Amino acid sequence: HFMVDKKLDDFTKEWFPDIESTTTILTKTRKGCMQPPHTDKSRNYSIYIPIYPHMYDYSPMIFYYDNELQYIDNLDPGAMYLVNHKIMHSAFNFTDYDRFNLQITLKEENALRFI
């Protein structure tokens, strides 16, 4: 599930004025649910911010890259990550909590300056 709202885009422009973004979405993975491995077709990069729950209760996003698993978790609350959505990824939420994150979609030329 995800929410797209102009208020989220306004938030992004206010808090990240140096970042040219296209869309900001709030995503929710319900407890006991999953997003199977996939690549995104409509975007390449985003800034990914885990929101809730914190620490070990946050089910990580898993990336399948170069025959290794890479994880984005919430062990460092407030951290932001540059994500390449063309790399196979998934989320399995087998915790007792719904999982929330904010994703700020970037134009490719803007994402490259973070690499």
Protein backbone atom coordinates (compact mmCIF):
# COMPACT_ATOMS: atom_id res chain seq x y z
CA HIS A 1 0.00 0.00 0.00
CA PHE A 2 1.17 3.52 -0.61
CA MET A 3 -0.07 7.08 -0.32
CA VAL A 4 0.69 9.81 -2.81
CA ASP A 5 -0.39 13.25 -1.65
CA LYS A 6 0.60 16.77 -2.68
CA LYS A 7 1.32 17.51 1.00
CA LEU A 8 4.11 14.92 0.89
CA ASP A 9 5.61 16.64 -2.15
CA ASP A 10 5.34 19.99 -0.35
CA PHE A 11 7.08 18.46 2.68
CA THR A 12 9.91 17.26 0.43
CA LYS A 13 10.37 20.68 -1.15
CA GLU A 14 10.43 22.36 2.24
CA TRP A 15 12.80 19.95 4.01
CA PHE A 16 15.01 19.07 1.02
CA PRO A 17 15.12 22.25 -1.09
CA ASP A 18 18.31 21.19 -2.90
CA ILE A 19 16.80 17.94 -4.18
CA GLU A 20 14.71 17.97 -7.32
CA SER A 21 12.22 15.16 -6.83
CA THR A 22 9.28 13.93 -8.86
CA THR A 23 7.05 12.20 -6.31
CA THR A 24 7.10 11.49 -2.58
CA ILE A 25 5.22 8.44 -1.34
CA LEU A 26 4.52 6.97 2.07
CA THR A 27 4.48 3.18 1.84
CA LYS A 28 3.00 0.66 4.22
CA THR A 29 3.68 -3.06 4.34
CA ARG A 30 1.14 -4.64 6.64
CA LYS A 31 2.30 -7.09 9.26
CA GLY A 32 2.32 -10.60 7.86
CA CYS A 33 2.52 -9.33 4.26
CA MET A 34 5.27 -9.14 1.68
CA GLN A 35 6.42 -7.48 -1.50
CA PRO A 36 7.96 -10.26 -3.61
CA PRO A 37 11.27 -9.70 -5.41
CA HIS A 38 10.86 -7.17 -8.20
CA THR A 39 12.35 -4.16 -9.94
CA ASP A 40 10.42 -0.92 -10.32
CA LYS A 41 9.34 -0.08 -13.83
CA SER A 42 8.36 3.55 -13.31
CA ARG A 43 11.43 4.91 -11.50
CA ASN A 44 15.14 4.42 -11.10
CA TYR A 45 16.21 6.11 -7.84
CA SER A 46 14.77 7.34 -4.58
CA ILE A 47 15.83 8.52 -1.19
CA TYR A 48 14.48 5.86 1.16
CA ILE A 49 13.71 6.75 4.78
CA PRO A 50 12.59 3.97 7.15
CA ILE A 51 10.02 5.40 9.56
CA TYR A 52 8.35 2.77 11.74
CA PRO A 53 8.89 0.55 13.64
CA HIS A 54 12.38 1.19 14.98
CA MET A 55 15.38 -1.03 15.44
CA TYR A 56 14.88 -4.80 15.18
CA ASP A 57 11.10 -4.57 14.76
CA TYR A 58 11.55 -3.00 11.31
CA SER A 59 11.53 -5.62 8.61
CA PRO A 60 14.35 -4.63 6.22
CA MET A 61 14.19 -4.02 2.50
CA ILE A 62 16.32 -6.71 0.87
CA PHE A 63 18.39 -6.17 -2.28
CA TYR A 64 19.73 -9.02 -4.40
CA TYR A 65 22.96 -7.65 -5.85
CA ASP A 66 26.07 -9.38 -7.16
CA ASN A 67 25.05 -12.73 -5.61
CA GLU A 68 24.76 -11.12 -2.17
CA LEU A 69 21.91 -9.90 -0.02
CA GLN A 70 22.05 -6.26 1.06
CA TYR A 71 19.67 -4.90 3.72
CA ILE A 72 18.19 -1.51 4.52
CA ASP A 73 16.90 -1.63 8.08
CA ASN A 74 15.97 0.89 10.76
CA LEU A 75 18.82 0.26 13.21
CA ASP A 76 19.87 3.89 12.71
CA PRO A 77 16.55 5.80 13.02
CA GLY A 78 16.55 8.92 10.88
CA ALA A 79 19.07 7.58 8.37
CA MET A 80 18.36 8.06 4.66
CA TYR A 81 19.47 5.80 1.84
CA LEU A 82 19.88 6.26 -1.91
CA VAL A 83 18.11 3.31 -3.55
CA ASN A 84 18.45 2.03 -7.10
CA HIS A 85 15.04 0.51 -7.86
CA LYS A 86 16.36 -1.26 -10.97
CA ILE A 87 18.14 -3.71 -8.66
CA MET A 88 15.97 -6.65 -7.62
CA HIS A 89 14.51 -6.00 -4.14
CA SER A 90 11.78 -7.18 -1.78
CA ALA A 91 10.28 -6.75 1.67
CA PHE A 92 8.89 -9.48 3.89
CA ASN A 93 7.13 -8.18 6.98
CA PHE A 94 6.70 -11.07 9.36
CA THR A 95 6.80 -8.84 12.45
CA ASP A 96 4.01 -7.79 14.79
CA TYR A 97 3.91 -4.26 13.32
CA ASP A 98 2.92 -2.54 10.11
CA ARG A 99 6.04 -1.19 8.38
CA PHE A 100 6.24 2.40 7.06
CA ASN A 101 8.80 4.26 4.98
CA LEU A 102 9.02 7.46 2.99
CA GLN A 103 10.36 7.32 -0.56
CA ILE A 104 11.37 10.46 -2.43
CA THR A 105 11.66 9.64 -6.12
CA LEU A 106 14.57 11.38 -7.81
CA LYS A 107 15.31 12.20 -11.40
CA GLU A 108 18.35 10.19 -12.46
CA GLU A 109 20.59 13.23 -12.98
CA ASN A 110 19.86 14.32 -9.40
CA ALA A 111 20.51 10.88 -7.94
CA LEU A 112 23.93 10.63 -9.58
CA ARG A 113 25.30 13.48 -7.49
CA PHE A 114 24.85 11.32 -4.36
CA ILE A 115 26.96 8.47 -5.73
